[in-house]
Amino acid sequence: MPVYDFKCRDCGEVSEILIRGGDGQVLRCAHCGGESLEKLISSSYVIRMDSSTSGATCCGRAERCETPPCSTGDTCRR
């Protein structure tokens, strides 16, 4: 069950709310009890697609290692 951040349109406070499976869950502000909530995008949803460090191998060296665990054949193991 995911936890999302919501901003209350009535009081402006931000709350973390656990979303349970199924329909019919009424979301309320933890501060004022208002039901007018806006779902926020939090930084935890940002996914970095480039997993390698620019200009470095998987172990952080500028050149590929000659022995494992960093190299297998001609490519750096990542």
N, C-alpha and C. Protein backbone atom coordinates (compact mmCIF):
# COMPACT_ATOMS: atom_id res chain seq x y z
N MET A 1 0.84 -1.17 0.00
CA MET A 1 0.00 0.00 0.00
C MET A 1 0.89 1.24 0.00
N PRO A 2 0.76 2.07 -1.00
CA PRO A 2 1.63 3.25 -1.11
C PRO A 2 1.21 4.40 -0.21
N VAL A 3 2.19 5.22 0.13
CA VAL A 3 1.96 6.43 0.89
C VAL A 3 2.23 7.61 -0.06
N TYR A 4 1.28 8.54 -0.12
CA TYR A 4 1.40 9.70 -1.00
C TYR A 4 1.33 10.98 -0.19
N ASP A 5 1.93 12.04 -0.72
CA ASP A 5 1.82 13.36 -0.12
C ASP A 5 0.64 14.08 -0.76
N PHE A 6 -0.19 14.70 0.07
CA PHE A 6 -1.33 15.48 -0.39
C PHE A 6 -1.29 16.85 0.25
N LYS A 7 -1.65 17.88 -0.53
CA LYS A 7 -1.76 19.23 0.00
C LYS A 7 -3.23 19.58 0.11
N CYS A 8 -3.61 20.07 1.27
CA CYS A 8 -5.00 20.45 1.51
C CYS A 8 -5.28 21.80 0.85
N ARG A 9 -6.32 21.86 0.06
CA ARG A 9 -6.69 23.11 -0.61
C ARG A 9 -7.38 24.08 0.36
N ASP A 10 -7.82 23.56 1.51
CA ASP A 10 -8.50 24.42 2.50
C ASP A 10 -7.49 25.14 3.40
N CYS A 11 -6.54 24.38 3.98
CA CYS A 11 -5.61 24.99 4.94
C CYS A 11 -4.18 25.11 4.43
N GLY A 12 -3.87 24.44 3.33
CA GLY A 12 -2.53 24.53 2.74
C GLY A 12 -1.49 23.59 3.33
N GLU A 13 -1.85 22.80 4.31
CA GLU A 13 -0.90 21.88 4.95
C GLU A 13 -0.70 20.63 4.08
N VAL A 14 0.49 20.04 4.18
CA VAL A 14 0.82 18.82 3.45
C VAL A 14 0.78 17.64 4.41
N SER A 15 0.15 16.53 3.98
CA SER A 15 0.03 15.33 4.80
C SER A 15 0.42 14.11 3.99
N GLU A 16 1.01 13.11 4.67
CA GLU A 16 1.26 11.81 4.06
C GLU A 16 0.06 10.94 4.35
N ILE A 17 -0.49 10.30 3.31
CA ILE A 17 -1.68 9.48 3.49
C ILE A 17 -1.45 8.12 2.87
N LEU A 18 -1.72 7.07 3.65
CA LEU A 18 -1.64 5.69 3.19
C LEU A 18 -2.87 5.38 2.34
N ILE A 19 -2.66 4.95 1.11
CA ILE A 19 -3.76 4.63 0.22
C ILE A 19 -4.00 3.13 0.28
N ARG A 20 -5.15 2.74 0.75
CA ARG A 20 -5.51 1.33 0.85
C ARG A 20 -6.15 0.86 -0.45
N GLY A 21 -6.05 -0.42 -0.73
CA GLY A 21 -6.65 -0.97 -1.93
C GLY A 21 -8.17 -0.87 -1.89
N GLY A 22 -8.76 -0.79 -3.06
CA GLY A 22 -10.22 -0.71 -3.13
C GLY A 22 -10.72 0.71 -3.26
N ASP A 23 -11.93 0.84 -3.68
CA ASP A 23 -12.54 2.16 -3.86
C ASP A 23 -13.28 2.58 -2.61
N GLY A 24 -13.62 3.85 -2.57
CA GLY A 24 -14.45 4.34 -1.49
C GLY A 24 -13.71 4.94 -0.32
N GLN A 25 -12.38 4.97 -0.35
CA GLN A 25 -11.63 5.57 0.74
C GLN A 25 -11.78 7.09 0.68
N VAL A 26 -12.24 7.70 1.74
CA VAL A 26 -12.38 9.14 1.82
C VAL A 26 -11.09 9.71 2.37
N LEU A 27 -10.44 10.59 1.61
CA LEU A 27 -9.20 11.20 2.05
C LEU A 27 -9.50 12.50 2.76
N ARG A 28 -8.91 12.67 3.94
CA ARG A 28 -9.13 13.87 4.74
C ARG A 28 -7.77 14.43 5.18
N CYS A 29 -7.72 15.74 5.27
CA CYS A 29 -6.54 16.43 5.77
C CYS A 29 -6.34 16.08 7.25
N ALA A 30 -5.11 15.74 7.60
CA ALA A 30 -4.80 15.40 9.00
C ALA A 30 -4.83 16.63 9.90
N HIS A 31 -4.78 17.82 9.33
CA HIS A 31 -4.72 19.05 10.12
C HIS A 31 -6.09 19.69 10.35
N CYS A 32 -6.89 19.78 9.26
CA CYS A 32 -8.18 20.47 9.41
C CYS A 32 -9.38 19.57 9.13
N GLY A 33 -9.14 18.36 8.60
CA GLY A 33 -10.23 17.44 8.30
C GLY A 33 -10.88 17.68 6.95
N GLY A 34 -10.37 18.65 6.18
CA GLY A 34 -10.93 18.96 4.87
C GLY A 34 -10.77 17.80 3.89
N GLU A 35 -11.67 17.72 2.92
CA GLU A 35 -11.64 16.65 1.93
C GLU A 35 -11.14 17.12 0.57
N SER A 36 -10.75 18.37 0.44
CA SER A 36 -10.26 18.91 -0.82
C SER A 36 -8.74 18.81 -0.84
N LEU A 37 -8.24 17.68 -1.34
CA LEU A 37 -6.81 17.40 -1.32
C LEU A 37 -6.25 17.31 -2.74
N GLU A 38 -5.02 17.76 -2.89
CA GLU A 38 -4.32 17.69 -4.16
C GLU A 38 -3.12 16.77 -3.99
N LYS A 39 -3.02 15.73 -4.83
CA LYS A 39 -1.91 14.79 -4.75
C LYS A 39 -0.65 15.46 -5.29
N LEU A 40 0.44 15.38 -4.51
CA LEU A 40 1.71 15.99 -4.89
C LEU A 40 2.67 14.95 -5.45
N ILE A 41 3.57 15.41 -6.28
CA ILE A 41 4.64 14.55 -6.77
C ILE A 41 5.84 14.77 -5.86
N SER A 42 6.30 13.72 -5.22
CA SER A 42 7.43 13.86 -4.30
C SER A 42 8.71 13.44 -4.99
N SER A 43 9.83 13.81 -4.42
CA SER A 43 11.13 13.50 -5.02
C SER A 43 11.41 12.01 -5.08
N SER A 44 10.73 11.22 -4.29
CA SER A 44 10.97 9.77 -4.31
C SER A 44 10.51 9.13 -5.61
N TYR A 45 9.72 9.85 -6.41
CA TYR A 45 9.25 9.31 -7.67
C TYR A 45 10.20 9.59 -8.83
N VAL A 46 11.25 10.36 -8.59
CA VAL A 46 12.20 10.69 -9.65
C VAL A 46 13.14 9.50 -9.83
N ILE A 47 13.24 9.03 -11.06
CA ILE A 47 14.10 7.89 -11.38
C ILE A 47 15.18 8.36 -12.33
N ARG A 48 16.41 8.15 -11.97
CA ARG A 48 17.52 8.52 -12.83
C ARG A 48 17.76 7.38 -13.82
N MET A 49 17.65 7.69 -15.10
CA MET A 49 17.79 6.67 -16.13
C MET A 49 19.25 6.37 -16.46
N ASP A 50 20.17 7.32 -16.28
CA ASP A 50 21.58 7.12 -16.56
C ASP A 50 22.25 6.59 -15.31
N SER A 51 22.48 5.28 -15.23
CA SER A 51 23.00 4.68 -14.01
C SER A 51 24.51 4.73 -13.90
N SER A 52 25.22 5.06 -14.97
CA SER A 52 26.67 5.09 -14.90
C SER A 52 27.17 6.50 -14.60
N THR A 53 28.30 6.58 -13.96
CA THR A 53 28.91 7.86 -13.67
C THR A 53 29.66 8.29 -14.92
N SER A 54 29.45 9.49 -15.35
CA SER A 54 30.07 10.00 -16.56
C SER A 54 31.58 9.95 -16.47
N GLY A 55 32.23 9.31 -17.46
CA GLY A 55 33.68 9.27 -17.53
C GLY A 55 34.34 8.30 -16.57
N ALA A 56 33.59 7.39 -15.95
CA ALA A 56 34.18 6.46 -15.00
C ALA A 56 33.59 5.06 -15.18
N THR A 57 34.32 4.06 -14.72
CA THR A 57 33.83 2.68 -14.76
C THR A 57 32.90 2.43 -13.58
N CYS A 58 32.38 1.22 -13.48
CA CYS A 58 31.45 0.91 -12.40
C CYS A 58 32.09 1.01 -11.02
N CYS A 59 33.42 0.89 -10.95
CA CYS A 59 34.08 1.01 -9.64
C CYS A 59 34.58 2.43 -9.39
N GLY A 60 34.33 3.36 -10.35
CA GLY A 60 34.70 4.75 -10.17
C GLY A 60 36.05 5.13 -10.75
N ARG A 61 36.78 4.17 -11.33
CA ARG A 61 38.07 4.47 -11.93
C ARG A 61 37.89 5.04 -13.33
N ALA A 62 38.87 5.76 -13.80
CA ALA A 62 38.81 6.36 -15.13
C ALA A 62 39.01 5.30 -16.22
N GLU A 63 39.78 4.24 -15.93
CA GLU A 63 40.02 3.18 -16.90
C GLU A 63 39.46 1.86 -16.38
N ARG A 64 39.12 0.98 -17.33
CA ARG A 64 38.57 -0.33 -16.97
C ARG A 64 39.61 -1.15 -16.22
N CYS A 65 39.20 -1.85 -15.17
CA CYS A 65 40.08 -2.73 -14.41
C CYS A 65 40.47 -3.94 -15.25
N GLU A 66 41.63 -4.49 -14.99
CA GLU A 66 42.10 -5.65 -15.74
C GLU A 66 41.59 -6.97 -15.15
N THR A 67 41.10 -6.94 -13.92
CA THR A 67 40.63 -8.16 -13.28
C THR A 67 39.26 -7.95 -12.67
N PRO A 68 38.51 -9.05 -12.45
CA PRO A 68 37.20 -8.92 -11.80
C PRO A 68 37.37 -8.31 -10.42
N PRO A 69 36.35 -7.73 -9.86
CA PRO A 69 34.96 -7.83 -10.23
C PRO A 69 34.51 -6.83 -11.28
N CYS A 70 35.38 -5.88 -11.65
CA CYS A 70 34.94 -4.81 -12.54
C CYS A 70 34.88 -5.20 -14.01
N SER A 71 35.68 -6.13 -14.45
CA SER A 71 35.70 -6.40 -15.89
C SER A 71 35.44 -7.85 -16.22
N THR A 72 34.74 -8.04 -17.32
CA THR A 72 34.55 -9.36 -17.91
C THR A 72 34.71 -9.18 -19.40
N GLY A 73 35.76 -9.72 -19.93
CA GLY A 73 35.98 -9.53 -21.36
C GLY A 73 36.36 -8.09 -21.65
N ASP A 74 35.65 -7.49 -22.59
CA ASP A 74 35.95 -6.10 -22.99
C ASP A 74 35.05 -5.06 -22.36
N THR A 75 34.15 -5.48 -21.48
CA THR A 75 33.20 -4.51 -20.92
C THR A 75 33.28 -4.50 -19.40
N CYS A 76 32.97 -3.37 -18.85
CA CYS A 76 32.92 -3.20 -17.40
C CYS A 76 31.60 -3.80 -16.91
N ARG A 77 31.67 -4.66 -15.90
CA ARG A 77 30.46 -5.25 -15.34
C ARG A 77 29.75 -4.23 -14.50
N ARG A 78 28.47 -4.08 -14.72
CA ARG A 78 27.70 -3.10 -13.95
C ARG A 78 26.41 -3.71 -13.56
